[in-house]
């Protein structure tokens, strides 16, 4: 996964897979998702990222598996 932030446009792009994008769908006024030929989520673009996603800080934490 790759996260890119473009400060000049306050846009964030999250790339989940390195697949070719077949279609981009508008989810809301400021959020678009990219879908591949199999219907899998490839990426997501967030416009006005600091305001809409509170993108002031980014962290990644892998959570341990829970056992029953």
PDB file of N, CA and C in Angstrom:
ATOM      1  N   UNK A   1       0.852  -1.172   0.000  1.00  0.00           N
ATOM      2  CA  UNK A   1       0.000   0.000   0.000  1.00  0.00           C
ATOM      3  C   UNK A   1       0.894   1.229   0.000  1.00  0.00           C
ATOM      4  N   UNK A   2       0.498   2.216  -0.793  1.00  0.00           N
ATOM      5  CA  UNK A   2       1.220   3.476  -0.871  1.00  0.00           C
ATOM      6  C   UNK A   2       0.244   4.616  -0.601  1.00  0.00           C
ATOM      7  N   UNK A   3       0.690   5.590   0.163  1.00  0.00           N
ATOM      8  CA  UNK A   3      -0.104   6.788   0.411  1.00  0.00           C
ATOM      9  C   UNK A   3       0.698   7.976  -0.075  1.00  0.00           C
ATOM     10  N   UNK A   4       0.078   8.770  -0.953  1.00  0.00           N
ATOM     11  CA  UNK A   4       0.727   9.976  -1.475  1.00  0.00           C
ATOM     12  C   UNK A   4      -0.139  11.169  -1.108  1.00  0.00           C
ATOM     13  N   UNK A   5       0.527  12.240  -0.678  1.00  0.00           N
ATOM     14  CA  UNK A   5      -0.192  13.462  -0.350  1.00  0.00           C
ATOM     15  C   UNK A   5       0.373  14.595  -1.191  1.00  0.00           C
ATOM     16  N   UNK A   6      -0.517  15.351  -1.829  1.00  0.00           N
ATOM     17  CA  UNK A   6      -0.143  16.462  -2.697  1.00  0.00           C
ATOM     18  C   UNK A   6      -0.592  17.762  -2.030  1.00  0.00           C
ATOM     19  N   UNK A   7       0.326  18.464  -1.347  1.00  0.00           N
ATOM     20  CA  UNK A   7      -0.066  19.651  -0.584  1.00  0.00           C
ATOM     21  C   UNK A   7      -0.594  20.800  -1.441  1.00  0.00           C
ATOM     22  N   UNK A   8      -0.136  20.891  -2.690  1.00  0.00           N
ATOM     23  CA  UNK A   8      -0.595  21.998  -3.535  1.00  0.00           C
ATOM     24  C   UNK A   8      -2.093  21.921  -3.843  1.00  0.00           C
ATOM     25  N   UNK A   9      -2.663  20.711  -3.829  1.00  0.00           N
ATOM     26  CA  UNK A   9      -4.100  20.547  -4.083  1.00  0.00           C
ATOM     27  C   UNK A   9      -4.838  19.962  -2.879  1.00  0.00           C
ATOM     28  N   UNK A  10      -4.113  19.699  -1.780  1.00  0.00           N
ATOM     29  CA  UNK A  10      -4.675  19.080  -0.583  1.00  0.00           C
ATOM     30  C   UNK A  10      -5.407  17.790  -0.945  1.00  0.00           C
ATOM     31  N   UNK A  11      -4.727  16.957  -1.732  1.00  0.00           N
ATOM     32  CA  UNK A  11      -5.281  15.691  -2.218  1.00  0.00           C
ATOM     33  C   UNK A  11      -4.443  14.534  -1.700  1.00  0.00           C
ATOM     34  N   UNK A  12      -5.108  13.484  -1.249  1.00  0.00           N
ATOM     35  CA  UNK A  12      -4.416  12.261  -0.835  1.00  0.00           C
ATOM     36  C   UNK A  12      -4.830  11.134  -1.768  1.00  0.00           C
ATOM     37  N   UNK A  13      -3.874  10.288  -2.102  1.00  0.00           N
ATOM     38  CA  UNK A  13      -4.177   9.113  -2.922  1.00  0.00           C
ATOM     39  C   UNK A  13      -3.617   7.888  -2.205  1.00  0.00           C
ATOM     40  N   UNK A  14      -4.490   6.904  -1.978  1.00  0.00           N
ATOM     41  CA  UNK A  14      -4.095   5.647  -1.352  1.00  0.00           C
ATOM     42  C   UNK A  14      -4.136   4.572  -2.428  1.00  0.00           C
ATOM     43  N   UNK A  15      -3.001   3.945  -2.672  1.00  0.00           N
ATOM     44  CA  UNK A  15      -2.927   2.870  -3.662  1.00  0.00           C
ATOM     45  C   UNK A  15      -2.850   1.549  -2.909  1.00  0.00           C
ATOM     46  N   UNK A  16      -3.878   0.722  -3.078  1.00  0.00           N
ATOM     47  CA  UNK A  16      -3.937  -0.567  -2.396  1.00  0.00           C
ATOM     48  C   UNK A  16      -3.261  -1.674  -3.196  1.00  0.00           C
ATOM     49  N   UNK A  17      -3.379  -1.605  -4.503  1.00  0.00           N
ATOM     50  CA  UNK A  17      -2.788  -2.607  -5.398  1.00  0.00           C
ATOM     51  C   UNK A  17      -2.197  -1.898  -6.597  1.00  0.00           C
ATOM     52  N   UNK A  18      -1.259  -2.542  -7.249  1.00  0.00           N
ATOM     53  CA  UNK A  18      -0.626  -1.984  -8.439  1.00  0.00           C
ATOM     54  C   UNK A  18      -1.270  -2.564  -9.697  1.00  0.00           C
ATOM     55  N   UNK A  19      -2.588  -2.627  -9.712  1.00  0.00           N
ATOM     56  CA  UNK A  19      -3.327  -3.160 -10.852  1.00  0.00           C
ATOM     57  C   UNK A  19      -3.755  -2.023 -11.778  1.00  0.00           C
ATOM     58  N   UNK A  20      -4.044  -2.355 -13.006  1.00  0.00           N
ATOM     59  CA  UNK A  20      -4.579  -1.366 -13.938  1.00  0.00           C
ATOM     60  C   UNK A  20      -5.986  -0.985 -13.520  1.00  0.00           C
ATOM     61  N   UNK A  21      -6.300   0.288 -13.611  1.00  0.00           N
ATOM     62  CA  UNK A  21      -7.618   0.792 -13.242  1.00  0.00           C
ATOM     63  C   UNK A  21      -8.549   0.693 -14.446  1.00  0.00           C
ATOM     64  N   UNK A  22      -9.672   0.014 -14.258  1.00  0.00           N
ATOM     65  CA  UNK A  22     -10.685  -0.088 -15.302  1.00  0.00           C
ATOM     66  C   UNK A  22     -11.660   1.089 -15.212  1.00  0.00           C
ATOM     67  N   UNK A  23     -12.005   1.463 -13.973  1.00  0.00           N
ATOM     68  CA  UNK A  23     -13.045   2.461 -13.781  1.00  0.00           C
ATOM     69  C   UNK A  23     -12.794   3.238 -12.491  1.00  0.00           C
ATOM     70  N   UNK A  24     -13.123   4.503 -12.511  1.00  0.00           N
ATOM     71  CA  UNK A  24     -13.096   5.336 -11.320  1.00  0.00           C
ATOM     72  C   UNK A  24     -14.526   5.725 -10.986  1.00  0.00           C
ATOM     73  N   UNK A  25     -14.928   5.495  -9.732  1.00  0.00           N
ATOM     74  CA  UNK A  25     -16.290   5.791  -9.306  1.00  0.00           C
ATOM     75  C   UNK A  25     -16.266   6.885  -8.246  1.00  0.00           C
ATOM     76  N   UNK A  26     -17.194   7.822  -8.373  1.00  0.00           N
ATOM     77  CA  UNK A  26     -17.333   8.871  -7.371  1.00  0.00           C
ATOM     78  C   UNK A  26     -18.187   8.335  -6.226  1.00  0.00           C
ATOM     79  N   UNK A  27     -17.602   8.294  -5.038  1.00  0.00           N
ATOM     80  CA  UNK A  27     -18.309   7.805  -3.859  1.00  0.00           C
ATOM     81  C   UNK A  27     -19.039   8.948  -3.174  1.00  0.00           C
ATOM     82  N   UNK A  28     -18.387  10.095  -3.134  1.00  0.00           N
ATOM     83  CA  UNK A  28     -19.005  11.310  -2.618  1.00  0.00           C
ATOM     84  C   UNK A  28     -18.373  12.481  -3.358  1.00  0.00           C
ATOM     85  N   UNK A  29     -18.740  13.696  -3.003  1.00  0.00           N
ATOM     86  CA  UNK A  29     -18.238  14.865  -3.703  1.00  0.00           C
ATOM     87  C   UNK A  29     -16.711  14.940  -3.698  1.00  0.00           C
ATOM     88  N   UNK A  30     -16.061  14.430  -2.656  1.00  0.00           N
ATOM     89  CA  UNK A  30     -14.610  14.552  -2.524  1.00  0.00           C
ATOM     90  C   UNK A  30     -13.863  13.228  -2.474  1.00  0.00           C
ATOM     91  N   UNK A  31     -14.553  12.116  -2.726  1.00  0.00           N
ATOM     92  CA  UNK A  31     -13.909  10.805  -2.656  1.00  0.00           C
ATOM     93  C   UNK A  31     -14.219  10.003  -3.916  1.00  0.00           C
ATOM     94  N   UNK A  32     -13.158   9.528  -4.571  1.00  0.00           N
ATOM     95  CA  UNK A  32     -13.271   8.647  -5.734  1.00  0.00           C
ATOM     96  C   UNK A  32     -12.522   7.356  -5.432  1.00  0.00           C
ATOM     97  N   UNK A  33     -13.033   6.241  -5.959  1.00  0.00           N
ATOM     98  CA  UNK A  33     -12.324   4.975  -5.835  1.00  0.00           C
ATOM     99  C   UNK A  33     -12.011   4.431  -7.225  1.00  0.00           C
ATOM    100  N   UNK A  34     -10.893   3.726  -7.318  1.00  0.00           N
ATOM    101  CA  UNK A  34     -10.464   3.089  -8.561  1.00  0.00           C
ATOM    102  C   UNK A  34     -10.693   1.591  -8.445  1.00  0.00           C
ATOM    103  N   UNK A  35     -11.290   1.008  -9.489  1.00  0.00           N
ATOM    104  CA  UNK A  35     -11.651  -0.408  -9.524  1.00  0.00           C
ATOM    105  C   UNK A  35     -10.928  -1.076 -10.689  1.00  0.00           C
ATOM    106  N   UNK A  36     -10.458  -2.311 -10.484  1.00  0.00           N
ATOM    107  CA  UNK A  36      -9.819  -3.040 -11.572  1.00  0.00           C
ATOM    108  C   UNK A  36     -10.844  -3.870 -12.341  1.00  0.00           C
ATOM    109  N   UNK A  37     -10.379  -4.623 -13.317  1.00  0.00           N
ATOM    110  CA  UNK A  37     -11.262  -5.388 -14.205  1.00  0.00           C
ATOM    111  C   UNK A  37     -12.068  -6.449 -13.445  1.00  0.00           C
ATOM    112  N   UNK A  38     -11.566  -6.918 -12.294  1.00  0.00           N
ATOM    113  CA  UNK A  38     -12.266  -7.925 -11.492  1.00  0.00           C
ATOM    114  C   UNK A  38     -13.172  -7.301 -10.436  1.00  0.00           C
ATOM    115  N   UNK A  39     -13.238  -5.966 -10.411  1.00  0.00           N
ATOM    116  CA  UNK A  39     -14.077  -5.292  -9.435  1.00  0.00           C
ATOM    117  C   UNK A  39     -13.407  -5.054  -8.099  1.00  0.00           C
ATOM    118  N   UNK A  40     -12.088  -5.301  -8.035  1.00  0.00           N
ATOM    119  CA  UNK A  40     -11.348  -5.090  -6.797  1.00  0.00           C
ATOM    120  C   UNK A  40     -10.966  -3.629  -6.627  1.00  0.00           C
ATOM    121  N   UNK A  41     -10.911  -3.190  -5.387  1.00  0.00           N
ATOM    122  CA  UNK A  41     -10.486  -1.840  -5.064  1.00  0.00           C
ATOM    123  C   UNK A  41      -8.986  -1.703  -5.308  1.00  0.00           C
ATOM    124  N   UNK A  42      -8.609  -0.745  -6.137  1.00  0.00           N
ATOM    125  CA  UNK A  42      -7.204  -0.503  -6.469  1.00  0.00           C
ATOM    126  C   UNK A  42      -6.688   0.716  -5.712  1.00  0.00           C
ATOM    127  N   UNK A  43      -7.493   1.780  -5.660  1.00  0.00           N
ATOM    128  CA  UNK A  43      -7.044   2.998  -5.003  1.00  0.00           C
ATOM    129  C   UNK A  43      -8.200   3.890  -4.613  1.00  0.00           C
ATOM    130  N   UNK A  44      -7.862   4.923  -3.828  1.00  0.00           N
ATOM    131  CA  UNK A  44      -8.857   5.886  -3.382  1.00  0.00           C
ATOM    132  C   UNK A  44      -8.220   7.269  -3.386  1.00  0.00           C
ATOM    133  N   UNK A  45      -8.945   8.251  -3.898  1.00  0.00           N
ATOM    134  CA  UNK A  45      -8.485   9.634  -3.914  1.00  0.00           C
ATOM    135  C   UNK A  45      -9.401  10.460  -3.024  1.00  0.00           C
ATOM    136  N   UNK A  46      -8.794  11.262  -2.145  1.00  0.00           N
ATOM    137  CA  UNK A  46      -9.541  12.119  -1.233  1.00  0.00           C
ATOM    138  C   UNK A  46      -9.150  13.563  -1.512  1.00  0.00           C
ATOM    139  N   UNK A  47     -10.113  14.337  -1.988  1.00  0.00           N
ATOM    140  CA  UNK A  47      -9.901  15.767  -2.222  1.00  0.00           C
ATOM    141  C   UNK A  47     -10.120  16.507  -0.911  1.00  0.00           C
ATOM    142  N   UNK A  48      -9.445  17.641  -0.732  1.00  0.00           N
ATOM    143  CA  UNK A  48      -9.532  18.415   0.521  1.00  0.00           C
ATOM    144  C   UNK A  48      -9.253  17.490   1.701  1.00  0.00           C
ATOM    145  N   UNK A  49      -8.149  16.751   1.604  1.00  0.00           N
ATOM    146  CA  UNK A  49      -7.831  15.669   2.531  1.00  0.00           C
ATOM    147  C   UNK A  49      -7.697  16.119   3.982  1.00  0.00           C
ATOM    148  N   UNK A  50      -7.093  17.250   4.214  1.00  0.00           N
ATOM    149  CA  UNK A  50      -6.914  17.682   5.603  1.00  0.00           C
ATOM    150  C   UNK A  50      -8.252  17.965   6.265  1.00  0.00           C
ATOM    151  N   UNK A  51      -9.186  18.534   5.533  1.00  0.00           N
ATOM    152  CA  UNK A  51     -10.497  18.839   6.095  1.00  0.00           C
ATOM    153  C   UNK A  51     -11.402  17.603   6.140  1.00  0.00           C
ATOM    154  N   UNK A  52     -11.403  16.814   5.063  1.00  0.00           N
ATOM    155  CA  UNK A  52     -12.333  15.690   4.967  1.00  0.00           C
ATOM    156  C   UNK A  52     -11.869  14.434   5.681  1.00  0.00           C
ATOM    157  N   UNK A  53     -10.576  14.209   5.736  1.00  0.00           N
ATOM    158  CA  UNK A  53     -10.062  12.986   6.350  1.00  0.00           C
ATOM    159  C   UNK A  53      -9.205  13.286   7.569  1.00  0.00           C
ATOM    160  N   UNK A  54      -9.154  14.561   7.966  1.00  0.00           N
ATOM    161  CA  UNK A  54      -8.306  14.977   9.073  1.00  0.00           C
ATOM    162  C   UNK A  54      -6.886  14.408   8.902  1.00  0.00           C
ATOM    163  N   UNK A  55      -6.376  14.581   7.707  1.00  0.00           N
ATOM    164  CA  UNK A  55      -5.084  14.020   7.334  1.00  0.00           C
ATOM    165  C   UNK A  55      -3.943  14.914   7.818  1.00  0.00           C
ATOM    166  N   UNK A  56      -3.814  15.003   9.106  1.00  0.00           N
ATOM    167  CA  UNK A  56      -2.716  15.770   9.693  1.00  0.00           C
ATOM    168  C   UNK A  56      -1.559  14.855  10.025  1.00  0.00           C
ATOM    169  N   UNK A  57      -1.871  13.603  10.292  1.00  0.00           N
ATOM    170  CA  UNK A  57      -0.851  12.637  10.663  1.00  0.00           C
ATOM    171  C   UNK A  57      -1.280  11.280  10.127  1.00  0.00           C
ATOM    172  N   UNK A  58      -0.315  10.492   9.691  1.00  0.00           N
ATOM    173  CA  UNK A  58      -0.625   9.170   9.161  1.00  0.00           C
ATOM    174  C   UNK A  58       0.210   8.145   9.912  1.00  0.00           C
ATOM    175  N   UNK A  59      -0.425   7.063  10.331  1.00  0.00           N
ATOM    176  CA  UNK A  59       0.319   5.968  10.959  1.00  0.00           C
ATOM    177  C   UNK A  59      -0.278   4.650  10.492  1.00  0.00           C
ATOM    178  N   UNK A  60       0.511   3.620  10.572  1.00  0.00           N
ATOM    179  CA  UNK A  60       0.076   2.285  10.159  1.00  0.00           C
ATOM    180  C   UNK A  60       0.362   1.341  11.301  1.00  0.00           C
ATOM    181  N   UNK A  61      -0.614   0.539  11.672  1.00  0.00           N
ATOM    182  CA  UNK A  61      -0.427  -0.418  12.742  1.00  0.00           C
ATOM    183  C   UNK A  61      -1.098  -1.724  12.351  1.00  0.00           C
ATOM    184  N   UNK A  62      -0.329  -2.789  12.279  1.00  0.00           N
ATOM    185  CA  UNK A  62      -0.897  -4.106  11.993  1.00  0.00           C
ATOM    186  C   UNK A  62      -1.338  -4.713  13.308  1.00  0.00           C
ATOM    187  N   UNK A  63      -2.603  -5.085  13.367  1.00  0.00           N
ATOM    188  CA  UNK A  63      -3.171  -5.610  14.600  1.00  0.00           C
ATOM    189  C   UNK A  63      -2.956  -7.117  14.690  1.00  0.00           C
ATOM    190  N   UNK A  64      -2.671  -7.630  15.877  1.00  0.00           N
ATOM    191  CA  UNK A  64      -2.466  -9.069  16.030  1.00  0.00           C
ATOM    192  C   UNK A  64      -3.773  -9.833  15.778  1.00  0.00           C
ATOM    193  N   UNK A  65      -3.619 -11.048  15.323  1.00  0.00           N
ATOM    194  CA  UNK A  65      -4.788 -11.888  15.083  1.00  0.00           C
ATOM    195  C   UNK A  65      -5.439 -12.236  16.411  1.00  0.00           C
ATOM    196  N   UNK A  66      -6.752 -12.240  16.397  1.00  0.00           N
ATOM    197  CA  UNK A  66      -7.479 -12.631  17.605  1.00  0.00           C
ATOM    198  C   UNK A  66      -7.809 -14.101  17.520  1.00  0.00           C
ATOM    199  N   UNK A  67      -7.650 -14.804  18.630  1.00  0.00           N
ATOM    200  CA  UNK A  67      -7.983 -16.216  18.662  1.00  0.00           C
ATOM    201  C   UNK A  67      -9.254 -16.413  19.468  1.00  0.00           C
ATOM    202  N   UNK A  68     -10.018 -17.412  19.063  1.00  0.00           N
ATOM    203  CA  UNK A  68     -11.313 -17.651  19.727  1.00  0.00           C
ATOM    204  C   UNK A  68     -11.145 -18.460  20.978  1.00  0.00           C
TER     205      UNK A  68
END
